[in-house]
PDB file of N, CA and C in Angstrom:
ATOM      1  N   MET A   1      21.757  10.855   6.453  1.00  0.00           N
ATOM      2  CA  MET A   1      20.921  11.113   7.611  1.00  0.00           C
ATOM      3  C   MET A   1      19.955   9.939   7.804  1.00  0.00           C
ATOM      4  N   ALA A   2      18.651  10.187   7.623  1.00  0.00           N
ATOM      5  CA  ALA A   2      17.665   9.147   7.910  1.00  0.00           C
ATOM      6  C   ALA A   2      16.957   8.700   6.633  1.00  0.00           C
ATOM      7  N   LYS A   3      16.413   7.485   6.697  1.00  0.00           N
ATOM      8  CA  LYS A   3      15.566   6.969   5.621  1.00  0.00           C
ATOM      9  C   LYS A   3      14.121   7.194   6.066  1.00  0.00           C
ATOM     10  N   ILE A   4      13.370   7.946   5.261  1.00  0.00           N
ATOM     11  CA  ILE A   4      12.006   8.336   5.619  1.00  0.00           C
ATOM     12  C   ILE A   4      11.026   7.792   4.592  1.00  0.00           C
ATOM     13  N   LEU A   5      10.004   7.092   5.072  1.00  0.00           N
ATOM     14  CA  LEU A   5       8.926   6.600   4.224  1.00  0.00           C
ATOM     15  C   LEU A   5       7.806   7.635   4.258  1.00  0.00           C
ATOM     16  N   LEU A   6       7.545   8.268   3.127  1.00  0.00           N
ATOM     17  CA  LEU A   6       6.540   9.312   2.987  1.00  0.00           C
ATOM     18  C   LEU A   6       5.298   8.705   2.341  1.00  0.00           C
ATOM     19  N   VAL A   7       4.184   8.721   3.073  1.00  0.00           N
ATOM     20  CA  VAL A   7       2.948   8.100   2.604  1.00  0.00           C
ATOM     21  C   VAL A   7       1.875   9.174   2.460  1.00  0.00           C
ATOM     22  N   ASP A   8       1.539   9.509   1.222  1.00  0.00           N
ATOM     23  CA  ASP A   8       0.508  10.518   0.951  1.00  0.00           C
ATOM     24  C   ASP A   8      -0.041  10.258  -0.436  1.00  0.00           C
ATOM     25  N   ASP A   9      -1.355  10.329  -0.596  1.00  0.00           N
ATOM     26  CA  ASP A   9      -1.972  10.054  -1.882  1.00  0.00           C
ATOM     27  C   ASP A   9      -1.853  11.220  -2.855  1.00  0.00           C
ATOM     28  N   GLN A  10      -1.514  12.397  -2.379  1.00  0.00           N
ATOM     29  CA  GLN A  10      -1.425  13.569  -3.250  1.00  0.00           C
ATOM     30  C   GLN A  10      -0.010  13.719  -3.801  1.00  0.00           C
ATOM     31  N   LYS A  11       0.083  13.636  -5.126  1.00  0.00           N
ATOM     32  CA  LYS A  11       1.387  13.685  -5.790  1.00  0.00           C
ATOM     33  C   LYS A  11       2.127  14.980  -5.493  1.00  0.00           C
ATOM     34  N   ASP A  12       1.413  16.124  -5.507  1.00  0.00           N
ATOM     35  CA  ASP A  12       2.078  17.396  -5.264  1.00  0.00           C
ATOM     36  C   ASP A  12       2.612  17.495  -3.835  1.00  0.00           C
ATOM     37  N   VAL A  13       1.897  16.947  -2.876  1.00  0.00           N
ATOM     38  CA  VAL A  13       2.369  16.936  -1.493  1.00  0.00           C
ATOM     39  C   VAL A  13       3.625  16.079  -1.375  1.00  0.00           C
ATOM     40  N   ARG A  14       3.593  14.894  -1.992  1.00  0.00           N
ATOM     41  CA  ARG A  14       4.783  14.027  -1.961  1.00  0.00           C
ATOM     42  C   ARG A  14       5.976  14.709  -2.611  1.00  0.00           C
ATOM     43  N   PHE A  15       5.747  15.382  -3.729  1.00  0.00           N
ATOM     44  CA  PHE A  15       6.837  16.041  -4.432  1.00  0.00           C
ATOM     45  C   PHE A  15       7.482  17.118  -3.567  1.00  0.00           C
ATOM     46  N   VAL A  16       6.674  18.011  -3.014  1.00  0.00           N
ATOM     47  CA  VAL A  16       7.203  19.126  -2.224  1.00  0.00           C
ATOM     48  C   VAL A  16       7.883  18.613  -0.962  1.00  0.00           C
ATOM     49  N   MET A  17       7.253  17.693  -0.261  1.00  0.00           N
ATOM     50  CA  MET A  17       7.845  17.163   0.971  1.00  0.00           C
ATOM     51  C   MET A  17       9.109  16.372   0.654  1.00  0.00           C
ATOM     52  N   SER A  18       9.080  15.603  -0.403  1.00  0.00           N
ATOM     53  CA  SER A  18      10.249  14.815  -0.778  1.00  0.00           C
ATOM     54  C   SER A  18      11.433  15.727  -1.094  1.00  0.00           C
ATOM     55  N   GLU A  19      11.195  16.805  -1.818  1.00  0.00           N
ATOM     56  CA  GLU A  19      12.257  17.766  -2.132  1.00  0.00           C
ATOM     57  C   GLU A  19      12.823  18.383  -0.860  1.00  0.00           C
ATOM     58  N   LEU A  20      11.947  18.745   0.061  1.00  0.00           N
ATOM     59  CA  LEU A  20      12.385  19.327   1.330  1.00  0.00           C
ATOM     60  C   LEU A  20      13.237  18.333   2.121  1.00  0.00           C
ATOM     61  N   LEU A  21      12.762  17.106   2.229  1.00  0.00           N
ATOM     62  CA  LEU A  21      13.497  16.091   2.979  1.00  0.00           C
ATOM     63  C   LEU A  21      14.839  15.781   2.319  1.00  0.00           C
ATOM     64  N   ASP A  22      14.846  15.746   0.996  1.00  0.00           N
ATOM     65  CA  ASP A  22      16.091  15.518   0.261  1.00  0.00           C
ATOM     66  C   ASP A  22      17.082  16.657   0.532  1.00  0.00           C
ATOM     67  N   ASP A  23      16.583  17.896   0.516  1.00  0.00           N
ATOM     68  CA  ASP A  23      17.437  19.051   0.812  1.00  0.00           C
ATOM     69  C   ASP A  23      17.998  18.992   2.235  1.00  0.00           C
ATOM     70  N   MET A  24      17.259  18.347   3.138  1.00  0.00           N
ATOM     71  CA  MET A  24      17.721  18.194   4.523  1.00  0.00           C
ATOM     72  C   MET A  24      18.737  17.053   4.643  1.00  0.00           C
ATOM     73  N   GLY A  25      18.926  16.298   3.560  1.00  0.00           N
ATOM     74  CA  GLY A  25      19.900  15.217   3.564  1.00  0.00           C
ATOM     75  C   GLY A  25      19.334  13.836   3.828  1.00  0.00           C
ATOM     76  N   HIS A  26      18.002  13.716   3.832  1.00  0.00           N
ATOM     77  CA  HIS A  26      17.375  12.424   4.097  1.00  0.00           C
ATOM     78  C   HIS A  26      17.145  11.653   2.804  1.00  0.00           C
ATOM     79  N   GLU A  27      17.109  10.334   2.927  1.00  0.00           N
ATOM     80  CA  GLU A  27      16.704   9.469   1.826  1.00  0.00           C
ATOM     81  C   GLU A  27      15.194   9.292   1.936  1.00  0.00           C
ATOM     82  N   VAL A  28      14.486   9.500   0.836  1.00  0.00           N
ATOM     83  CA  VAL A  28      13.017   9.461   0.871  1.00  0.00           C
ATOM     84  C   VAL A  28      12.497   8.326   0.004  1.00  0.00           C
ATOM     85  N   LEU A  29      11.632   7.515   0.605  1.00  0.00           N
ATOM     86  CA  LEU A  29      10.874   6.488  -0.106  1.00  0.00           C
ATOM     87  C   LEU A  29       9.436   6.974  -0.136  1.00  0.00           C
ATOM     88  N   GLU A  30       8.784   6.869  -1.279  1.00  0.00           N
ATOM     89  CA  GLU A  30       7.422   7.379  -1.404  1.00  0.00           C
ATOM     90  C   GLU A  30       6.415   6.257  -1.600  1.00  0.00           C
ATOM     91  N   ALA A  31       5.260   6.439  -0.967  1.00  0.00           N
ATOM     92  CA  ALA A  31       4.129   5.537  -1.160  1.00  0.00           C
ATOM     93  C   ALA A  31       2.893   6.402  -1.386  1.00  0.00           C
ATOM     94  N   ASP A  32       2.105   6.062  -2.415  1.00  0.00           N
ATOM     95  CA  ASP A  32       0.932   6.871  -2.736  1.00  0.00           C
ATOM     96  C   ASP A  32      -0.378   6.259  -2.234  1.00  0.00           C
ATOM     97  N   SER A  33      -0.259   5.134  -1.532  1.00  0.00           N
ATOM     98  CA  SER A  33      -1.454   4.459  -1.034  1.00  0.00           C
ATOM     99  C   SER A  33      -1.073   3.547   0.128  1.00  0.00           C
ATOM    100  N   ALA A  34      -2.085   3.049   0.797  1.00  0.00           N
ATOM    101  CA  ALA A  34      -1.829   2.111   1.895  1.00  0.00           C
ATOM    102  C   ALA A  34      -1.179   0.845   1.356  1.00  0.00           C
ATOM    103  N   ALA A  35      -1.649   0.358   0.210  1.00  0.00           N
ATOM    104  CA  ALA A  35      -1.079  -0.865  -0.365  1.00  0.00           C
ATOM    105  C   ALA A  35       0.393  -0.668  -0.704  1.00  0.00           C
ATOM    106  N   SER A  36       0.714   0.458  -1.292  1.00  0.00           N
ATOM    107  CA  SER A  36       2.105   0.754  -1.626  1.00  0.00           C
ATOM    108  C   SER A  36       2.964   0.848  -0.361  1.00  0.00           C
ATOM    109  N   CYS A  37       2.422   1.459   0.662  1.00  0.00           N
ATOM    110  CA  CYS A  37       3.141   1.563   1.943  1.00  0.00           C
ATOM    111  C   CYS A  37       3.394   0.178   2.520  1.00  0.00           C
ATOM    112  N   LEU A  38       2.381  -0.655   2.542  1.00  0.00           N
ATOM    113  CA  LEU A  38       2.525  -1.997   3.108  1.00  0.00           C
ATOM    114  C   LEU A  38       3.528  -2.829   2.312  1.00  0.00           C
ATOM    115  N   ASN A  39       3.553  -2.650   0.992  1.00  0.00           N
ATOM    116  CA  ASN A  39       4.505  -3.380   0.156  1.00  0.00           C
ATOM    117  C   ASN A  39       5.944  -2.953   0.431  1.00  0.00           C
ATOM    118  N   GLN A  40       6.145  -1.669   0.686  1.00  0.00           N
ATOM    119  CA  GLN A  40       7.493  -1.145   0.893  1.00  0.00           C
ATOM    120  C   GLN A  40       7.975  -1.247   2.331  1.00  0.00           C
ATOM    121  N   PHE A  41       7.064  -1.245   3.267  1.00  0.00           N
ATOM    122  CA  PHE A  41       7.432  -1.070   4.667  1.00  0.00           C
ATOM    123  C   PHE A  41       8.415  -2.115   5.181  1.00  0.00           C
ATOM    124  N   GLY A  42       8.123  -3.360   4.974  1.00  0.00           N
ATOM    125  CA  GLY A  42       8.970  -4.417   5.531  1.00  0.00           C
ATOM    126  C   GLY A  42      10.389  -4.395   5.018  1.00  0.00           C
ATOM    127  N   ASP A  43      10.561  -4.015   3.765  1.00  0.00           N
ATOM    128  CA  ASP A  43      11.887  -3.994   3.148  1.00  0.00           C
ATOM    129  C   ASP A  43      12.590  -2.651   3.287  1.00  0.00           C
ATOM    130  N   SER A  44      11.862  -1.616   3.704  1.00  0.00           N
ATOM    131  CA  SER A  44      12.411  -0.262   3.654  1.00  0.00           C
ATOM    132  C   SER A  44      13.406   0.039   4.769  1.00  0.00           C
ATOM    133  N   GLU A  45      13.244  -0.600   5.918  1.00  0.00           N
ATOM    134  CA  GLU A  45      14.051  -0.280   7.093  1.00  0.00           C
ATOM    135  C   GLU A  45      14.041   1.218   7.352  1.00  0.00           C
ATOM    136  N   ALA A  46      12.855   1.817   7.240  1.00  0.00           N
ATOM    137  CA  ALA A  46      12.706   3.259   7.435  1.00  0.00           C
ATOM    138  C   ALA A  46      13.014   3.637   8.880  1.00  0.00           C
ATOM    139  N   ASP A  47      13.610   4.813   9.018  1.00  0.00           N
ATOM    140  CA  ASP A  47      13.897   5.369  10.339  1.00  0.00           C
ATOM    141  C   ASP A  47      12.724   6.176  10.871  1.00  0.00           C
ATOM    142  N   LEU A  48      11.827   6.591   9.951  1.00  0.00           N
ATOM    143  CA  LEU A  48      10.681   7.415  10.324  1.00  0.00           C
ATOM    144  C   LEU A  48       9.637   7.282   9.223  1.00  0.00           C
ATOM    145  N   VAL A  49       8.364   7.360   9.610  1.00  0.00           N
ATOM    146  CA  VAL A  49       7.264   7.321   8.641  1.00  0.00           C
ATOM    147  C   VAL A  49       6.496   8.633   8.748  1.00  0.00           C
ATOM    148  N   LEU A  50       6.337   9.303   7.609  1.00  0.00           N
ATOM    149  CA  LEU A  50       5.458  10.470   7.508  1.00  0.00           C
ATOM    150  C   LEU A  50       4.172   9.968   6.871  1.00  0.00           C
ATOM    151  N   LEU A  51       3.070  10.047   7.597  1.00  0.00           N
ATOM    152  CA  LEU A  51       1.834   9.372   7.202  1.00  0.00           C
ATOM    153  C   LEU A  51       0.672  10.341   7.097  1.00  0.00           C
ATOM    154  N   ASP A  52       0.079  10.417   5.918  1.00  0.00           N
ATOM    155  CA  ASP A  52      -1.112  11.238   5.699  1.00  0.00           C
ATOM    156  C   ASP A  52      -2.274  10.657   6.499  1.00  0.00           C
ATOM    157  N   LEU A  53      -3.025  11.525   7.139  1.00  0.00           N
ATOM    158  CA  LEU A  53      -4.156  11.070   7.946  1.00  0.00           C
ATOM    159  C   LEU A  53      -5.334  10.639   7.087  1.00  0.00           C
ATOM    160  N   HIS A  54      -5.536  11.286   5.937  1.00  0.00           N
ATOM    161  CA  HIS A  54      -6.683  10.984   5.077  1.00  0.00           C
ATOM    162  C   HIS A  54      -6.221  10.567   3.688  1.00  0.00           C
ATOM    163  N   MET A  55      -6.503   9.309   3.351  1.00  0.00           N
ATOM    164  CA  MET A  55      -6.225   8.793   2.014  1.00  0.00           C
ATOM    165  C   MET A  55      -7.481   8.092   1.524  1.00  0.00           C
ATOM    166  N   PRO A  56      -7.652   7.979   0.214  1.00  0.00           N
ATOM    167  CA  PRO A  56      -8.902   7.409  -0.297  1.00  0.00           C
ATOM    168  C   PRO A  56      -9.113   5.929   0.020  1.00  0.00           C
ATOM    169  N   ASP A  57      -8.056   5.136   0.053  1.00  0.00           N
ATOM    170  CA  ASP A  57      -8.256   3.700   0.236  1.00  0.00           C
ATOM    171  C   ASP A  57      -8.359   3.277   1.700  1.00  0.00           C
ATOM    172  N   VAL A  58      -7.698   3.996   2.597  1.00  0.00           N
ATOM    173  CA  VAL A  58      -7.747   3.665   4.019  1.00  0.00           C
ATOM    174  C   VAL A  58      -7.253   4.882   4.794  1.00  0.00           C
ATOM    175  N   SER A  59      -7.710   5.048   6.002  1.00  0.00           N
ATOM    176  CA  SER A  59      -7.241   6.191   6.787  1.00  0.00           C
ATOM    177  C   SER A  59      -5.832   5.940   7.309  1.00  0.00           C
ATOM    178  N   GLY A  60      -5.137   7.004   7.595  1.00  0.00           N
ATOM    179  CA  GLY A  60      -3.814   6.881   8.186  1.00  0.00           C
ATOM    180  C   GLY A  60      -3.861   6.130   9.508  1.00  0.00           C
ATOM    181  N   GLN A  61      -4.927   6.335  10.248  1.00  0.00           N
ATOM    182  CA  GLN A  61      -5.099   5.656  11.534  1.00  0.00           C
ATOM    183  C   GLN A  61      -5.194   4.141  11.324  1.00  0.00           C
ATOM    184  N   GLU A  62      -5.977   3.712  10.345  1.00  0.00           N
ATOM    185  CA  GLU A  62      -6.114   2.278  10.054  1.00  0.00           C
ATOM    186  C   GLU A  62      -4.805   1.690   9.540  1.00  0.00           C
ATOM    187  N   LEU A  63      -4.113   2.440   8.693  1.00  0.00           N
ATOM    188  CA  LEU A  63      -2.841   1.971   8.155  1.00  0.00           C
ATOM    189  C   LEU A  63      -1.804   1.829   9.264  1.00  0.00           C
ATOM    190  N   LEU A  64      -1.759   2.786  10.157  1.00  0.00           N
ATOM    191  CA  LEU A  64      -0.818   2.710  11.271  1.00  0.00           C
ATOM    192  C   LEU A  64      -1.109   1.494  12.144  1.00  0.00           C
ATOM    193  N   ALA A  65      -2.375   1.229  12.415  1.00  0.00           N
ATOM    194  CA  ALA A  65      -2.737   0.048  13.204  1.00  0.00           C
ATOM    195  C   ALA A  65      -2.285  -1.235  12.498  1.00  0.00           C
ATOM    196  N   LYS A  66      -2.449  -1.295  11.189  1.00  0.00           N
ATOM    197  CA  LYS A  66      -2.025  -2.479  10.432  1.00  0.00           C
ATOM    198  C   LYS A  66      -0.506  -2.638  10.461  1.00  0.00           C
ATOM    199  N   LEU A  67       0.224  -1.543  10.287  1.00  0.00           N
ATOM    200  CA  LEU A  67       1.685  -1.612  10.347  1.00  0.00           C
ATOM    201  C   LEU A  67       2.146  -2.138  11.702  1.00  0.00           C
ATOM    202  N   ARG A  68       1.544  -1.638  12.750  1.00  0.00           N
ATOM    203  CA  ARG A  68       1.938  -2.068  14.093  1.00  0.00           C
ATOM    204  C   ARG A  68       1.560  -3.522  14.356  1.00  0.00           C
ATOM    205  N   LYS A  69       0.429  -3.954  13.804  1.00  0.00           N
ATOM    206  CA  LYS A  69       0.008  -5.344  13.980  1.00  0.00           C
ATOM    207  C   LYS A  69       0.922  -6.292  13.209  1.00  0.00           C
ATOM    208  N   ASP A  70       1.245  -5.909  11.967  1.00  0.00           N
ATOM    209  CA  ASP A  70       2.061  -6.772  11.115  1.00  0.00           C
ATOM    210  C   ASP A  70       3.544  -6.758  11.478  1.00  0.00           C
ATOM    211  N   HIS A  71       3.989  -5.693  12.129  1.00  0.00           N
ATOM    212  CA  HIS A  71       5.410  -5.537  12.481  1.00  0.00           C
ATOM    213  C   HIS A  71       5.541  -5.114  13.947  1.00  0.00           C
ATOM    214  N   PRO A  72       5.095  -5.943  14.867  1.00  0.00           N
ATOM    215  CA  PRO A  72       5.118  -5.539  16.286  1.00  0.00           C
ATOM    216  C   PRO A  72       6.539  -5.245  16.756  1.00  0.00           C
ATOM    217  N   GLY A  73       6.664  -4.130  17.433  1.00  0.00           N
ATOM    218  CA  GLY A  73       7.947  -3.762  18.007  1.00  0.00           C
ATOM    219  C   GLY A  73       8.958  -3.207  17.030  1.00  0.00           C
ATOM    220  N   SER A  74       8.628  -3.180  15.737  1.00  0.00           N
ATOM    221  CA  SER A  74       9.612  -2.696  14.775  1.00  0.00           C
ATOM    222  C   SER A  74       9.118  -1.489  13.975  1.00  0.00           C
ATOM    223  N   THR A  75       8.025  -0.880  14.398  1.00  0.00           N
ATOM    224  CA  THR A  75       7.521   0.291  13.700  1.00  0.00           C
ATOM    225  C   THR A  75       8.329   1.511  14.138  1.00  0.00           C
ATOM    226  N   PRO A  76       8.934   2.215  13.184  1.00  0.00           N
ATOM    227  CA  PRO A  76       9.721   3.402  13.539  1.00  0.00           C
ATOM    228  C   PRO A  76       8.806   4.541  13.996  1.00  0.00           C
ATOM    229  N   PRO A  77       9.388   5.645  14.463  1.00  0.00           N
ATOM    230  CA  PRO A  77       8.561   6.794  14.828  1.00  0.00           C
ATOM    231  C   PRO A  77       7.669   7.215  13.667  1.00  0.00           C
ATOM    232  N   VAL A  78       6.465   7.672  14.014  1.00  0.00           N
ATOM    233  CA  VAL A  78       5.487   8.084  13.011  1.00  0.00           C
ATOM    234  C   VAL A  78       5.101   9.533  13.252  1.00  0.00           C
ATOM    235  N   VAL A  79       5.091  10.302  12.171  1.00  0.00           N
ATOM    236  CA  VAL A  79       4.626  11.683  12.191  1.00  0.00           C
ATOM    237  C   VAL A  79       3.442  11.762  11.240  1.00  0.00           C
ATOM    238  N   ILE A  80       2.341  12.281  11.728  1.00  0.00           N
ATOM    239  CA  ILE A  80       1.131  12.421  10.922  1.00  0.00           C
ATOM    240  C   ILE A  80       1.178  13.723  10.139  1.00  0.00           C
ATOM    241  N   LEU A  81       0.802  13.644   8.853  1.00  0.00           N
ATOM    242  CA  LEU A  81       0.601  14.808   8.004  1.00  0.00           C
ATOM    243  C   LEU A  81      -0.899  14.998   7.857  1.00  0.00           C
ATOM    244  N   THR A  82      -1.383  16.211   8.075  1.00  0.00           N
ATOM    245  CA  THR A  82      -2.811  16.426   7.914  1.00  0.00           C
ATOM    246  C   THR A  82      -3.124  17.860   7.522  1.00  0.00           C
ATOM    247  N   GLY A  83      -4.123  17.980   6.700  1.00  0.00           N
ATOM    248  CA  GLY A  83      -4.663  19.279   6.354  1.00  0.00           C
ATOM    249  C   GLY A  83      -5.986  19.486   7.067  1.00  0.00           C
ATOM    250  N   SER A  84      -6.391  18.514   7.844  1.00  0.00           N
ATOM    251  CA  SER A  84      -7.685  18.548   8.521  1.00  0.00           C
ATOM    252  C   SER A  84      -7.698  19.567   9.657  1.00  0.00           C
ATOM    253  N   GLN A  85      -8.807  20.252   9.754  1.00  0.00           N
ATOM    254  CA  GLN A  85      -9.056  21.143  10.885  1.00  0.00           C
ATOM    255  C   GLN A  85     -10.220  20.622  11.720  1.00  0.00           C
ATOM    256  N   SER A  86     -10.698  19.420  11.370  1.00  0.00           N
ATOM    257  CA  SER A  86     -11.827  18.805  12.046  1.00  0.00           C
ATOM    258  C   SER A  86     -11.476  18.487  13.497  1.00  0.00           C
ATOM    259  N   ALA A  87     -12.322  18.904  14.400  1.00  0.00           N
ATOM    260  CA  ALA A  87     -12.086  18.655  15.832  1.00  0.00           C
ATOM    261  C   ALA A  87     -12.012  17.159  16.116  1.00  0.00           C
ATOM    262  N   SER A  88     -12.860  16.365  15.471  1.00  0.00           N
ATOM    263  CA  SER A  88     -12.843  14.923  15.740  1.00  0.00           C
ATOM    264  C   SER A  88     -11.534  14.302  15.258  1.00  0.00           C
ATOM    265  N   ASP A  89     -11.029  14.746  14.104  1.00  0.00           N
ATOM    266  CA  ASP A  89      -9.743  14.249  13.616  1.00  0.00           C
ATOM    267  C   ASP A  89      -8.621  14.637  14.571  1.00  0.00           C
ATOM    268  N   LEU A  90      -8.574  15.893  14.934  1.00  0.00           N
ATOM    269  CA  LEU A  90      -7.480  16.385  15.765  1.00  0.00           C
ATOM    270  C   LEU A  90      -7.537  15.813  17.174  1.00  0.00           C
ATOM    271  N   ASN A  91      -8.730  15.550  17.679  1.00  0.00           N
ATOM    272  CA  ASN A  91      -8.858  14.970  19.018  1.00  0.00           C
ATOM    273  C   ASN A  91      -8.428  13.508  19.053  1.00  0.00           C
ATOM    274  N   SER A  92      -8.522  12.806  17.918  1.00  0.00           N
ATOM    275  CA  SER A  92      -8.152  11.391  17.896  1.00  0.00           C
ATOM    276  C   SER A  92      -6.650  11.179  17.726  1.00  0.00           C
ATOM    277  N   ILE A  93      -5.933  12.197  17.308  1.00  0.00           N
ATOM    278  CA  ILE A  93      -4.506  12.059  17.017  1.00  0.00           C
ATOM    279  C   ILE A  93      -3.679  11.638  18.232  1.00  0.00           C
ATOM    280  N   PRO A  94      -3.875  12.228  19.414  1.00  0.00           N
ATOM    281  CA  PRO A  94      -3.044  11.800  20.552  1.00  0.00           C
ATOM    282  C   PRO A  94      -3.178  10.314  20.888  1.00  0.00           C
ATOM    283  N   GLU A  95      -4.314   9.715  20.556  1.00  0.00           N
ATOM    284  CA  GLU A  95      -4.542   8.297  20.842  1.00  0.00           C
ATOM    285  C   GLU A  95      -3.754   7.378  19.914  1.00  0.00           C
ATOM    286  N   LEU A  96      -3.161   7.919  18.854  1.00  0.00           N
ATOM    287  CA  LEU A  96      -2.460   7.102  17.874  1.00  0.00           C
ATOM    288  C   LEU A  96      -1.067   6.675  18.339  1.00  0.00           C
ATOM    289  N   GLY A  97      -0.553   7.305  19.372  1.00  0.00           N
ATOM    290  CA  GLY A  97       0.784   6.958  19.835  1.00  0.00           C
ATOM    291  C   GLY A  97       1.855   7.375  18.847  1.00  0.00           C
ATOM    292  N   ILE A  98       1.663   8.534  18.249  1.00  0.00           N
ATOM    293  CA  ILE A  98       2.611   9.044  17.270  1.00  0.00           C
ATOM    294  C   ILE A  98       3.618   9.964  17.946  1.00  0.00           C
ATOM    295  N   GLN A  99       4.659  10.293  17.211  1.00  0.00           N
ATOM    296  CA  GLN A  99       5.695  11.148  17.764  1.00  0.00           C
ATOM    297  C   GLN A  99       5.592  12.591  17.309  1.00  0.00           C
ATOM    298  N   GLY A 100       4.778  12.879  16.288  1.00  0.00           N
ATOM    299  CA  GLY A 100       4.672  14.244  15.816  1.00  0.00           C
ATOM    300  C   GLY A 100       3.482  14.453  14.908  1.00  0.00           C
ATOM    301  N   LEU A 101       3.202  15.732  14.651  1.00  0.00           N
ATOM    302  CA  LEU A 101       2.079  16.138  13.818  1.00  0.00           C
ATOM    303  C   LEU A 101       2.519  17.345  13.003  1.00  0.00           C
ATOM    304  N   ILE A 102       2.358  17.250  11.691  1.00  0.00           N
ATOM    305  CA  ILE A 102       2.673  18.359  10.802  1.00  0.00           C
ATOM    306  C   ILE A 102       1.401  18.711  10.049  1.00  0.00           C
ATOM    307  N   HIS A 103       0.997  19.985  10.187  1.00  0.00           N
ATOM    308  CA  HIS A 103      -0.195  20.459   9.492  1.00  0.00           C
ATOM    309  C   HIS A 103       0.172  20.928   8.091  1.00  0.00           C
ATOM    310  N   LYS A 104      -0.700  20.609   7.135  1.00  0.00           N
ATOM    311  CA  LYS A 104      -0.572  21.130   5.779  1.00  0.00           C
ATOM    312  C   LYS A 104      -1.323  22.459   5.736  1.00  0.00           C
ATOM    313  N   PRO A 105      -0.784  23.490   5.184  1.00  0.00           N
ATOM    314  CA  PRO A 105       0.571  23.626   4.672  1.00  0.00           C
ATOM    315  C   PRO A 105       1.562  23.805   5.833  1.00  0.00           C
ATOM    316  N   TRP A 106       2.755  23.337   5.618  1.00  0.00           N
ATOM    317  CA  TRP A 106       3.801  23.411   6.635  1.00  0.00           C
ATOM    318  C   TRP A 106       4.863  24.413   6.207  1.00  0.00           C
ATOM    319  N   THR A 107       5.734  24.730   7.148  1.00  0.00           N
ATOM    320  CA  THR A 107       6.914  25.526   6.814  1.00  0.00           C
ATOM    321  C   THR A 107       8.122  24.592   6.858  1.00  0.00           C
ATOM    322  N   PRO A 108       9.134  24.861   6.055  1.00  0.00           N
ATOM    323  CA  PRO A 108      10.337  24.025   6.105  1.00  0.00           C
ATOM    324  C   PRO A 108      10.944  23.967   7.512  1.00  0.00           C
ATOM    325  N   GLU A 109      10.908  25.083   8.216  1.00  0.00           N
ATOM    326  CA  GLU A 109      11.468  25.121   9.565  1.00  0.00           C
ATOM    327  C   GLU A 109      10.707  24.204  10.517  1.00  0.00           C
ATOM    328  N   GLU A 110       9.387  24.178  10.376  1.00  0.00           N
ATOM    329  CA  GLU A 110       8.558  23.313  11.214  1.00  0.00           C
ATOM    330  C   GLU A 110       8.908  21.846  10.980  1.00  0.00           C
ATOM    331  N   VAL A 111       9.028  21.464   9.723  1.00  0.00           N
ATOM    332  CA  VAL A 111       9.350  20.079   9.385  1.00  0.00           C
ATOM    333  C   VAL A 111      10.732  19.721   9.916  1.00  0.00           C
ATOM    334  N   GLU A 112      11.699  20.565   9.655  1.00  0.00           N
ATOM    335  CA  GLU A 112      13.069  20.284  10.081  1.00  0.00           C
ATOM    336  C   GLU A 112      13.172  20.179  11.598  1.00  0.00           C
ATOM    337  N   THR A 113      12.568  21.108  12.311  1.00  0.00           N
ATOM    338  CA  THR A 113      12.623  21.089  13.777  1.00  0.00           C
ATOM    339  C   THR A 113      11.999  19.826  14.340  1.00  0.00           C
ATOM    340  N   GLN A 114      10.808  19.484  13.857  1.00  0.00           N
ATOM    341  CA  GLN A 114      10.129  18.284  14.365  1.00  0.00           C
ATOM    342  C   GLN A 114      10.906  17.014  14.065  1.00  0.00           C
ATOM    343  N   LEU A 115      11.301  16.856  12.811  1.00  0.00           N
ATOM    344  CA  LEU A 115      11.952  15.607  12.426  1.00  0.00           C
ATOM    345  C   LEU A 115      13.310  15.440  13.086  1.00  0.00           C
ATOM    346  N   GLU A 116      14.086  16.495  13.168  1.00  0.00           N
ATOM    347  CA  GLU A 116      15.400  16.388  13.800  1.00  0.00           C
ATOM    348  C   GLU A 116      15.258  16.021  15.276  1.00  0.00           C
ATOM    349  N   GLY A 117      14.280  16.601  15.961  1.00  0.00           N
ATOM    350  CA  GLY A 117      14.035  16.265  17.363  1.00  0.00           C
ATOM    351  C   GLY A 117      13.632  14.814  17.534  1.00  0.00           C
ATOM    352  N   ILE A 118      12.738  14.344  16.695  1.00  0.00           N
ATOM    353  CA  ILE A 118      12.257  12.965  16.779  1.00  0.00           C
ATOM    354  C   ILE A 118      13.364  11.983  16.431  1.00  0.00           C
ATOM    355  N   LEU A 119      14.097  12.274  15.372  1.00  0.00           N
ATOM    356  CA  LEU A 119      15.171  11.360  14.963  1.00  0.00           C
ATOM    357  C   LEU A 119      16.312  11.315  15.981  1.00  0.00           C
ATOM    358  N   SER A 120      16.601  12.432  16.632  1.00  0.00           N
ATOM    359  CA  SER A 120      17.667  12.417  17.632  1.00  0.00           C
ATOM    360  C   SER A 120      17.228  11.639  18.872  1.00  0.00           C
ATOM    361  N   GLU A 121      15.944  11.691  19.213  1.00  0.00           N
ATOM    362  CA  GLU A 121      15.426  10.896  20.344  1.00  0.00           C
ATOM    363  C   GLU A 121      15.449   9.408  20.037  1.00  0.00           C
ATOM    364  N   ALA A 122      15.190   9.064  18.775  1.00  0.00           N
ATOM    365  CA  ALA A 122      15.119   7.644  18.379  1.00  0.00           C
ATOM    366  C   ALA A 122      16.501   7.017  18.253  1.00  0.00           C
ATOM    367  N   ALA A 123      17.509   7.852  18.089  1.00  0.00           N
ATOM    368  CA  ALA A 123      18.879   7.321  17.890  1.00  0.00           C
ATOM    369  C   ALA A 123      19.467   6.731  19.155  1.00  0.00           C
TER     370      ALA A 123
END
């Protein structure tokens, strides 16, 4: 299916999401920080990026801006992962130019429906 770059600083979140994506037939690359994501991104040829909105070293918003700056025109679809219920966080999401939003905790059906729709549009 697709190669997905999963970027989240929480090991348990990466584990559960990675297992779900693997069960869906996707290849999963994991990054636990912005630096790890930036190191893997250029070589990964990812079809989609699942990006945590809040990480300790840099925000998902800042990381996405850097990816787009460093790789203009070649950034795959991005889906934000967030556990935030903050109005300011949620109001800023549409401005990111992302293709999807998955709230933590998620359901497997929610993830599958969103990702399959996004990946079929990108194909």
